[in-house]
Amino acid sequence: MSEVKIIQTTPLELSSMISESVKTELEKFKKELSKSNSDEILLTREETCELLSINLSTLWSYTKKGKLPSKKIGNRVYYLKSEVLEALNS
């Protein structure tokens, strides 16, 4: 049986520890997704704008009109590089 240790911590410290753990795990998840194939890299909205040389409002418009498919992970929006390049070519 594992040993249980009880430590005293404030709610703020506990919240901070949980936030850091979640951030670390999300970064690991994002890296694993991008390892599968160089064209299957997940791009943030800012990275996508830089790749296409457009601003965020134009990217939002393209996404809303269905010209660029997006992926949602939690509250964040990502774009697959392969899908962005495919939309650019069509």
PDB file of N, CA and C in Angstrom:
ATOM      1  N   MET A   1       0.841  -1.172   0.000  1.00  0.00           N
ATOM      2  CA  MET A   1       0.000   0.000   0.000  1.00  0.00           C
ATOM      3  C   MET A   1       0.890   1.241   0.000  1.00  0.00           C
ATOM      4  N   SER A   2       0.493   2.279  -0.722  1.00  0.00           N
ATOM      5  CA  SER A   2       1.313   3.487  -0.753  1.00  0.00           C
ATOM      6  C   SER A   2       1.135   4.313   0.503  1.00  0.00           C
ATOM      7  N   GLU A   3       2.162   5.058   0.743  1.00  0.00           N
ATOM      8  CA  GLU A   3       2.170   5.911   1.923  1.00  0.00           C
ATOM      9  C   GLU A   3       1.483   7.230   1.594  1.00  0.00           C
ATOM     10  N   VAL A   4       0.628   7.682   2.483  1.00  0.00           N
ATOM     11  CA  VAL A   4      -0.086   8.936   2.292  1.00  0.00           C
ATOM     12  C   VAL A   4       0.576   9.992   3.162  1.00  0.00           C
ATOM     13  N   LYS A   5       0.937  11.113   2.544  1.00  0.00           N
ATOM     14  CA  LYS A   5       1.540  12.217   3.283  1.00  0.00           C
ATOM     15  C   LYS A   5       0.590  13.395   3.246  1.00  0.00           C
ATOM     16  N   ILE A   6       0.418  14.012   4.358  1.00  0.00           N
ATOM     17  CA  ILE A   6      -0.449  15.175   4.440  1.00  0.00           C
ATOM     18  C   ILE A   6       0.441  16.399   4.634  1.00  0.00           C
ATOM     19  N   ILE A   7       0.252  17.374   3.754  1.00  0.00           N
ATOM     20  CA  ILE A   7       1.002  18.619   3.874  1.00  0.00           C
ATOM     21  C   ILE A   7       0.021  19.771   3.976  1.00  0.00           C
ATOM     22  N   GLN A   8       0.457  20.816   4.621  1.00  0.00           N
ATOM     23  CA  GLN A   8      -0.395  21.990   4.728  1.00  0.00           C
ATOM     24  C   GLN A   8      -0.071  22.935   3.581  1.00  0.00           C
ATOM     25  N   THR A   9      -1.108  23.436   2.948  1.00  0.00           N
ATOM     26  CA  THR A   9      -0.947  24.373   1.853  1.00  0.00           C
ATOM     27  C   THR A   9      -2.155  25.299   1.814  1.00  0.00           C
ATOM     28  N   THR A  10      -1.953  26.475   1.288  1.00  0.00           N
ATOM     29  CA  THR A  10      -3.062  27.418   1.164  1.00  0.00           C
ATOM     30  C   THR A  10      -3.836  27.101  -0.121  1.00  0.00           C
ATOM     31  N   PRO A  11      -5.068  27.537  -0.195  1.00  0.00           N
ATOM     32  CA  PRO A  11      -5.825  27.323  -1.441  1.00  0.00           C
ATOM     33  C   PRO A  11      -5.136  27.942  -2.655  1.00  0.00           C
ATOM     34  N   LEU A  12      -4.479  29.078  -2.481  1.00  0.00           N
ATOM     35  CA  LEU A  12      -3.774  29.728  -3.582  1.00  0.00           C
ATOM     36  C   LEU A  12      -2.593  28.882  -4.055  1.00  0.00           C
ATOM     37  N   GLU A  13      -1.837  28.312  -3.111  1.00  0.00           N
ATOM     38  CA  GLU A  13      -0.714  27.449  -3.476  1.00  0.00           C
ATOM     39  C   GLU A  13      -1.202  26.189  -4.186  1.00  0.00           C
ATOM     40  N   LEU A  14      -2.291  25.619  -3.688  1.00  0.00           N
ATOM     41  CA  LEU A  14      -2.857  24.421  -4.312  1.00  0.00           C
ATOM     42  C   LEU A  14      -3.319  24.717  -5.734  1.00  0.00           C
ATOM     43  N   SER A  15      -3.988  25.843  -5.903  1.00  0.00           N
ATOM     44  CA  SER A  15      -4.436  26.256  -7.233  1.00  0.00           C
ATOM     45  C   SER A  15      -3.251  26.439  -8.173  1.00  0.00           C
ATOM     46  N   SER A  16      -2.195  27.032  -7.680  1.00  0.00           N
ATOM     47  CA  SER A  16      -0.991  27.244  -8.490  1.00  0.00           C
ATOM     48  C   SER A  16      -0.352  25.915  -8.896  1.00  0.00           C
ATOM     49  N   MET A  17      -0.275  24.981  -7.961  1.00  0.00           N
ATOM     50  CA  MET A  17       0.310  23.670  -8.269  1.00  0.00           C
ATOM     51  C   MET A  17      -0.516  22.934  -9.325  1.00  0.00           C
ATOM     52  N   ILE A  18      -1.822  22.996  -9.195  1.00  0.00           N
ATOM     53  CA  ILE A  18      -2.698  22.336 -10.166  1.00  0.00           C
ATOM     54  C   ILE A  18      -2.552  22.982 -11.537  1.00  0.00           C
ATOM     55  N   SER A  19      -2.529  24.315 -11.584  1.00  0.00           N
ATOM     56  CA  SER A  19      -2.378  25.028 -12.863  1.00  0.00           C
ATOM     57  C   SER A  19      -1.079  24.656 -13.559  1.00  0.00           C
ATOM     58  N   GLU A  20       0.002  24.611 -12.819  1.00  0.00           N
ATOM     59  CA  GLU A  20       1.298  24.256 -13.404  1.00  0.00           C
ATOM     60  C   GLU A  20       1.285  22.829 -13.945  1.00  0.00           C
ATOM     61  N   SER A  21       0.674  21.905 -13.214  1.00  0.00           N
ATOM     62  CA  SER A  21       0.592  20.512 -13.671  1.00  0.00           C
ATOM     63  C   SER A  21      -0.224  20.395 -14.948  1.00  0.00           C
ATOM     64  N   VAL A  22      -1.343  21.098 -15.003  1.00  0.00           N
ATOM     65  CA  VAL A  22      -2.189  21.054 -16.197  1.00  0.00           C
ATOM     66  C   VAL A  22      -1.452  21.651 -17.395  1.00  0.00           C
ATOM     67  N   LYS A  23      -0.768  22.790 -17.200  1.00  0.00           N
ATOM     68  CA  LYS A  23      -0.004  23.414 -18.289  1.00  0.00           C
ATOM     69  C   LYS A  23       1.067  22.462 -18.809  1.00  0.00           C
ATOM     70  N   THR A  24       1.772  21.815 -17.905  1.00  0.00           N
ATOM     71  CA  THR A  24       2.827  20.879 -18.297  1.00  0.00           C
ATOM     72  C   THR A  24       2.253  19.732 -19.122  1.00  0.00           C
ATOM     73  N   GLU A  25       1.135  19.162 -18.692  1.00  0.00           N
ATOM     74  CA  GLU A  25       0.526  18.051 -19.404  1.00  0.00           C
ATOM     75  C   GLU A  25      -0.011  18.483 -20.766  1.00  0.00           C
ATOM     76  N   LEU A  26      -0.580  19.685 -20.850  1.00  0.00           N
ATOM     77  CA  LEU A  26      -1.070  20.171 -22.142  1.00  0.00           C
ATOM     78  C   LEU A  26       0.075  20.391 -23.126  1.00  0.00           C
ATOM     79  N   GLU A  27       1.202  20.895 -22.644  1.00  0.00           N
ATOM     80  CA  GLU A  27       2.366  21.076 -23.512  1.00  0.00           C
ATOM     81  C   GLU A  27       2.885  19.730 -24.009  1.00  0.00           C
ATOM     82  N   LYS A  28       2.920  18.733 -23.135  1.00  0.00           N
ATOM     83  CA  LYS A  28       3.335  17.386 -23.553  1.00  0.00           C
ATOM     84  C   LYS A  28       2.389  16.847 -24.624  1.00  0.00           C
ATOM     85  N   PHE A  29       1.089  17.039 -24.419  1.00  0.00           N
ATOM     86  CA  PHE A  29       0.082  16.584 -25.370  1.00  0.00           C
ATOM     87  C   PHE A  29       0.254  17.263 -26.724  1.00  0.00           C
ATOM     88  N   LYS A  30       0.487  18.563 -26.706  1.00  0.00           N
ATOM     89  CA  LYS A  30       0.669  19.305 -27.951  1.00  0.00           C
ATOM     90  C   LYS A  30       1.919  18.826 -28.688  1.00  0.00           C
ATOM     91  N   LYS A  31       3.005  18.560 -27.957  1.00  0.00           N
ATOM     92  CA  LYS A  31       4.237  18.077 -28.581  1.00  0.00           C
ATOM     93  C   LYS A  31       4.037  16.698 -29.200  1.00  0.00           C
ATOM     94  N   GLU A  32       3.300  15.825 -28.517  1.00  0.00           N
ATOM     95  CA  GLU A  32       3.041  14.493 -29.052  1.00  0.00           C
ATOM     96  C   GLU A  32       2.205  14.555 -30.318  1.00  0.00           C
ATOM     97  N   LEU A  33       1.232  15.440 -30.347  1.00  0.00           N
ATOM     98  CA  LEU A  33       0.410  15.582 -31.545  1.00  0.00           C
ATOM     99  C   LEU A  33       1.233  16.094 -32.717  1.00  0.00           C
ATOM    100  N   SER A  34       2.160  16.987 -32.457  1.00  0.00           N
ATOM    101  CA  SER A  34       2.943  17.566 -33.543  1.00  0.00           C
ATOM    102  C   SER A  34       4.070  16.645 -34.005  1.00  0.00           C
ATOM    103  N   LYS A  35       4.421  15.614 -33.231  1.00  0.00           N
ATOM    104  CA  LYS A  35       5.482  14.681 -33.621  1.00  0.00           C
ATOM    105  C   LYS A  35       5.054  13.745 -34.739  1.00  0.00           C
ATOM    106  N   SER A  36       3.763  13.457 -34.845  1.00  0.00           N
ATOM    107  CA  SER A  36       3.290  12.428 -35.767  1.00  0.00           C
ATOM    108  C   SER A  36       3.686  12.690 -37.211  1.00  0.00           C
ATOM    109  N   ASN A  37       3.605  13.940 -37.652  1.00  0.00           N
ATOM    110  CA  ASN A  37       3.945  14.280 -39.028  1.00  0.00           C
ATOM    111  C   ASN A  37       4.187  15.780 -39.072  1.00  0.00           C
ATOM    112  N   SER A  38       5.166  16.210 -39.835  1.00  0.00           N
ATOM    113  CA  SER A  38       5.476  17.638 -39.863  1.00  0.00           C
ATOM    114  C   SER A  38       4.323  18.471 -40.413  1.00  0.00           C
ATOM    115  N   ASP A  39       3.504  17.902 -41.301  1.00  0.00           N
ATOM    116  CA  ASP A  39       2.339  18.624 -41.813  1.00  0.00           C
ATOM    117  C   ASP A  39       1.152  18.550 -40.852  1.00  0.00           C
ATOM    118  N   GLU A  40       1.233  17.693 -39.864  1.00  0.00           N
ATOM    119  CA  GLU A  40       0.148  17.553 -38.895  1.00  0.00           C
ATOM    120  C   GLU A  40       0.418  18.385 -37.641  1.00  0.00           C
ATOM    121  N   ILE A  41       1.201  19.403 -37.776  1.00  0.00           N
ATOM    122  CA  ILE A  41       1.522  20.288 -36.659  1.00  0.00           C
ATOM    123  C   ILE A  41       0.308  21.153 -36.345  1.00  0.00           C
ATOM    124  N   LEU A  42       0.012  21.277 -35.055  1.00  0.00           N
ATOM    125  CA  LEU A  42      -1.048  22.176 -34.633  1.00  0.00           C
ATOM    126  C   LEU A  42      -0.487  23.592 -34.523  1.00  0.00           C
ATOM    127  N   LEU A  43      -1.135  24.518 -35.175  1.00  0.00           N
ATOM    128  CA  LEU A  43      -0.715  25.916 -35.135  1.00  0.00           C
ATOM    129  C   LEU A  43      -1.697  26.715 -34.295  1.00  0.00           C
ATOM    130  N   THR A  44      -1.169  27.651 -33.519  1.00  0.00           N
ATOM    131  CA  THR A  44      -2.048  28.559 -32.789  1.00  0.00           C
ATOM    132  C   THR A  44      -2.616  29.568 -33.774  1.00  0.00           C
ATOM    133  N   ARG A  45      -3.543  30.379 -33.310  1.00  0.00           N
ATOM    134  CA  ARG A  45      -4.109  31.408 -34.182  1.00  0.00           C
ATOM    135  C   ARG A  45      -3.017  32.373 -34.644  1.00  0.00           C
ATOM    136  N   GLU A  46      -2.135  32.740 -33.728  1.00  0.00           N
ATOM    137  CA  GLU A  46      -1.066  33.680 -34.072  1.00  0.00           C
ATOM    138  C   GLU A  46      -0.101  33.081 -35.097  1.00  0.00           C
ATOM    139  N   GLU A  47       0.259  31.806 -34.917  1.00  0.00           N
ATOM    140  CA  GLU A  47       1.155  31.133 -35.861  1.00  0.00           C
ATOM    141  C   GLU A  47       0.502  31.011 -37.239  1.00  0.00           C
ATOM    142  N   THR A  48      -0.794  30.745 -37.259  1.00  0.00           N
ATOM    143  CA  THR A  48      -1.512  30.637 -38.526  1.00  0.00           C
ATOM    144  C   THR A  48      -1.547  31.981 -39.238  1.00  0.00           C
ATOM    145  N   CYS A  49      -1.796  33.052 -38.487  1.00  0.00           N
ATOM    146  CA  CYS A  49      -1.789  34.398 -39.074  1.00  0.00           C
ATOM    147  C   CYS A  49      -0.427  34.730 -39.665  1.00  0.00           C
ATOM    148  N   GLU A  50       0.626  34.360 -38.952  1.00  0.00           N
ATOM    149  CA  GLU A  50       1.979  34.620 -39.437  1.00  0.00           C
ATOM    150  C   GLU A  50       2.257  33.832 -40.715  1.00  0.00           C
ATOM    151  N   LEU A  51       1.836  32.564 -40.749  1.00  0.00           N
ATOM    152  CA  LEU A  51       2.038  31.726 -41.930  1.00  0.00           C
ATOM    153  C   LEU A  51       1.322  32.292 -43.149  1.00  0.00           C
ATOM    154  N   LEU A  52       0.105  32.797 -42.946  1.00  0.00           N
ATOM    155  CA  LEU A  52      -0.698  33.317 -44.056  1.00  0.00           C
ATOM    156  C   LEU A  52      -0.513  34.810 -44.296  1.00  0.00           C
ATOM    157  N   SER A  53       0.224  35.471 -43.429  1.00  0.00           N
ATOM    158  CA  SER A  53       0.429  36.933 -43.508  1.00  0.00           C
ATOM    159  C   SER A  53      -0.902  37.691 -43.487  1.00  0.00           C
ATOM    160  N   ILE A  54      -1.737  37.323 -42.514  1.00  0.00           N
ATOM    161  CA  ILE A  54      -3.023  37.988 -42.330  1.00  0.00           C
ATOM    162  C   ILE A  54      -3.162  38.369 -40.860  1.00  0.00           C
ATOM    163  N   ASN A  55      -4.204  39.136 -40.526  1.00  0.00           N
ATOM    164  CA  ASN A  55      -4.411  39.481 -39.125  1.00  0.00           C
ATOM    165  C   ASN A  55      -5.479  38.574 -38.510  1.00  0.00           C
ATOM    166  N   LEU A  56      -5.667  38.698 -37.198  1.00  0.00           N
ATOM    167  CA  LEU A  56      -6.584  37.812 -36.483  1.00  0.00           C
ATOM    168  C   LEU A  56      -8.032  37.952 -36.944  1.00  0.00           C
ATOM    169  N   SER A  57      -8.449  39.167 -37.295  1.00  0.00           N
ATOM    170  CA  SER A  57      -9.832  39.338 -37.731  1.00  0.00           C
ATOM    171  C   SER A  57     -10.089  38.645 -39.068  1.00  0.00           C
ATOM    172  N   THR A  58      -9.108  38.659 -39.953  1.00  0.00           N
ATOM    173  CA  THR A  58      -9.238  37.955 -41.235  1.00  0.00           C
ATOM    174  C   THR A  58      -9.274  36.449 -40.997  1.00  0.00           C
ATOM    175  N   LEU A  59      -8.426  35.961 -40.098  1.00  0.00           N
ATOM    176  CA  LEU A  59      -8.421  34.538 -39.761  1.00  0.00           C
ATOM    177  C   LEU A  59      -9.776  34.121 -39.191  1.00  0.00           C
ATOM    178  N   TRP A  60     -10.328  34.934 -38.307  1.00  0.00           N
ATOM    179  CA  TRP A  60     -11.641  34.647 -37.738  1.00  0.00           C
ATOM    180  C   TRP A  60     -12.700  34.576 -38.841  1.00  0.00           C
ATOM    181  N   SER A  61     -12.625  35.510 -39.774  1.00  0.00           N
ATOM    182  CA  SER A  61     -13.587  35.553 -40.877  1.00  0.00           C
ATOM    183  C   SER A  61     -13.473  34.295 -41.745  1.00  0.00           C
ATOM    184  N   TYR A  62     -12.243  33.904 -42.090  1.00  0.00           N
ATOM    185  CA  TYR A  62     -12.039  32.693 -42.887  1.00  0.00           C
ATOM    186  C   TYR A  62     -12.566  31.460 -42.161  1.00  0.00           C
ATOM    187  N   THR A  63     -12.350  31.403 -40.856  1.00  0.00           N
ATOM    188  CA  THR A  63     -12.815  30.270 -40.065  1.00  0.00           C
ATOM    189  C   THR A  63     -14.339  30.247 -40.019  1.00  0.00           C
ATOM    190  N   LYS A  64     -14.938  31.402 -39.799  1.00  0.00           N
ATOM    191  CA  LYS A  64     -16.398  31.512 -39.708  1.00  0.00           C
ATOM    192  C   LYS A  64     -17.071  31.116 -41.027  1.00  0.00           C
ATOM    193  N   LYS A  65     -16.439  31.493 -42.159  1.00  0.00           N
ATOM    194  CA  LYS A  65     -16.987  31.174 -43.481  1.00  0.00           C
ATOM    195  C   LYS A  65     -16.702  29.732 -43.902  1.00  0.00           C
ATOM    196  N   GLY A  66     -15.876  29.010 -43.131  1.00  0.00           N
ATOM    197  CA  GLY A  66     -15.561  27.623 -43.452  1.00  0.00           C
ATOM    198  C   GLY A  66     -14.394  27.462 -44.405  1.00  0.00           C
ATOM    199  N   LYS A  67     -13.687  28.539 -44.700  1.00  0.00           N
ATOM    200  CA  LYS A  67     -12.525  28.438 -45.595  1.00  0.00           C
ATOM    201  C   LYS A  67     -11.348  27.749 -44.906  1.00  0.00           C
ATOM    202  N   LEU A  68     -11.240  27.915 -43.589  1.00  0.00           N
ATOM    203  CA  LEU A  68     -10.184  27.271 -42.813  1.00  0.00           C
ATOM    204  C   LEU A  68     -10.818  26.482 -41.675  1.00  0.00           C
ATOM    205  N   PRO A  69     -10.678  25.156 -41.685  1.00  0.00           N
ATOM    206  CA  PRO A  69     -11.221  24.359 -40.578  1.00  0.00           C
ATOM    207  C   PRO A  69     -10.345  24.510 -39.334  1.00  0.00           C
ATOM    208  N   SER A  70     -10.967  24.613 -38.180  1.00  0.00           N
ATOM    209  CA  SER A  70     -10.221  24.770 -36.933  1.00  0.00           C
ATOM    210  C   SER A  70     -10.504  23.596 -36.011  1.00  0.00           C
ATOM    211  N   LYS A  71      -9.627  23.419 -35.051  1.00  0.00           N
ATOM    212  CA  LYS A  71      -9.766  22.383 -34.026  1.00  0.00           C
ATOM    213  C   LYS A  71      -9.792  23.089 -32.679  1.00  0.00           C
ATOM    214  N   LYS A  72     -10.700  22.675 -31.805  1.00  0.00           N
ATOM    215  CA  LYS A  72     -10.765  23.257 -30.470  1.00  0.00           C
ATOM    216  C   LYS A  72     -10.272  22.245 -29.452  1.00  0.00           C
ATOM    217  N   ILE A  73      -9.390  22.697 -28.599  1.00  0.00           N
ATOM    218  CA  ILE A  73      -8.930  21.913 -27.456  1.00  0.00           C
ATOM    219  C   ILE A  73      -9.168  22.796 -26.245  1.00  0.00           C
ATOM    220  N   GLY A  74     -10.172  22.461 -25.475  1.00  0.00           N
ATOM    221  CA  GLY A  74     -10.560  23.319 -24.360  1.00  0.00           C
ATOM    222  C   GLY A  74     -11.097  24.632 -24.901  1.00  0.00           C
ATOM    223  N   ASN A  75     -10.561  25.732 -24.414  1.00  0.00           N
ATOM    224  CA  ASN A  75     -10.972  27.058 -24.883  1.00  0.00           C
ATOM    225  C   ASN A  75     -10.115  27.555 -26.034  1.00  0.00           C
ATOM    226  N   ARG A  76      -9.111  26.805 -26.416  1.00  0.00           N
ATOM    227  CA  ARG A  76      -8.160  27.263 -27.420  1.00  0.00           C
ATOM    228  C   ARG A  76      -8.505  26.751 -28.809  1.00  0.00           C
ATOM    229  N   VAL A  77      -8.140  27.544 -29.803  1.00  0.00           N
ATOM    230  CA  VAL A  77      -8.392  27.194 -31.198  1.00  0.00           C
ATOM    231  C   VAL A  77      -7.060  26.917 -31.876  1.00  0.00           C
ATOM    232  N   TYR A  78      -6.974  25.803 -32.580  1.00  0.00           N
ATOM    233  CA  TYR A  78      -5.770  25.427 -33.312  1.00  0.00           C
ATOM    234  C   TYR A  78      -6.136  25.117 -34.756  1.00  0.00           C
ATOM    235  N   TYR A  79      -5.128  25.163 -35.612  1.00  0.00           N
ATOM    236  CA  TYR A  79      -5.298  24.843 -37.033  1.00  0.00           C
ATOM    237  C   TYR A  79      -4.230  23.829 -37.406  1.00  0.00           C
ATOM    238  N   LEU A  80      -4.626  22.793 -38.151  1.00  0.00           N
ATOM    239  CA  LEU A  80      -3.649  21.832 -38.661  1.00  0.00           C
ATOM    240  C   LEU A  80      -2.909  22.466 -39.833  1.00  0.00           C
ATOM    241  N   LYS A  81      -1.602  22.391 -39.799  1.00  0.00           N
ATOM    242  CA  LYS A  81      -0.793  23.019 -40.848  1.00  0.00           C
ATOM    243  C   LYS A  81      -1.151  22.459 -42.213  1.00  0.00           C
ATOM    244  N   SER A  82      -1.395  21.149 -42.301  1.00  0.00           N
ATOM    245  CA  SER A  82      -1.734  20.529 -43.585  1.00  0.00           C
ATOM    246  C   SER A  82      -3.039  21.096 -44.134  1.00  0.00           C
ATOM    247  N   GLU A  83      -4.023  21.332 -43.264  1.00  0.00           N
ATOM    248  CA  GLU A  83      -5.302  21.879 -43.708  1.00  0.00           C
ATOM    249  C   GLU A  83      -5.172  23.340 -44.125  1.00  0.00           C
ATOM    250  N   VAL A  84      -4.298  24.077 -43.446  1.00  0.00           N
ATOM    251  CA  VAL A  84      -4.064  25.480 -43.814  1.00  0.00           C
ATOM    252  C   VAL A  84      -3.410  25.551 -45.183  1.00  0.00           C
ATOM    253  N   LEU A  85      -2.394  24.697 -45.407  1.00  0.00           N
ATOM    254  CA  LEU A  85      -1.715  24.696 -46.698  1.00  0.00           C
ATOM    255  C   LEU A  85      -2.642  24.222 -47.816  1.00  0.00           C
ATOM    256  N   GLU A  86      -3.508  23.258 -47.503  1.00  0.00           N
ATOM    257  CA  GLU A  86      -4.476  22.774 -48.502  1.00  0.00           C
ATOM    258  C   GLU A  86      -5.466  23.873 -48.868  1.00  0.00           C
ATOM    259  N   ALA A  87      -5.941  24.612 -47.889  1.00  0.00           N
ATOM    260  CA  ALA A  87      -6.875  25.712 -48.150  1.00  0.00           C
ATOM    261  C   ALA A  87      -6.184  26.822 -48.939  1.00  0.00           C
ATOM    262  N   LEU A  88      -4.920  27.008 -48.685  1.00  0.00           N
ATOM    263  CA  LEU A  88      -4.150  28.030 -49.403  1.00  0.00           C
ATOM    264  C   LEU A  88      -3.996  27.671 -50.879  1.00  0.00           C
ATOM    265  N   ASN A  89      -3.838  26.387 -51.168  1.00  0.00           N
ATOM    266  CA  ASN A  89      -3.669  25.925 -52.535  1.00  0.00           C
ATOM    267  C   ASN A  89      -4.965  25.872 -53.340  1.00  0.00           C
ATOM    268  N   SER A  90      -6.101  25.818 -52.642  1.00  0.00           N
ATOM    269  CA  SER A  90      -7.372  25.699 -53.373  1.00  0.00           C
ATOM    270  C   SER A  90      -7.980  27.055 -53.674  1.00  0.00           C
TER     271      SER A  90
END
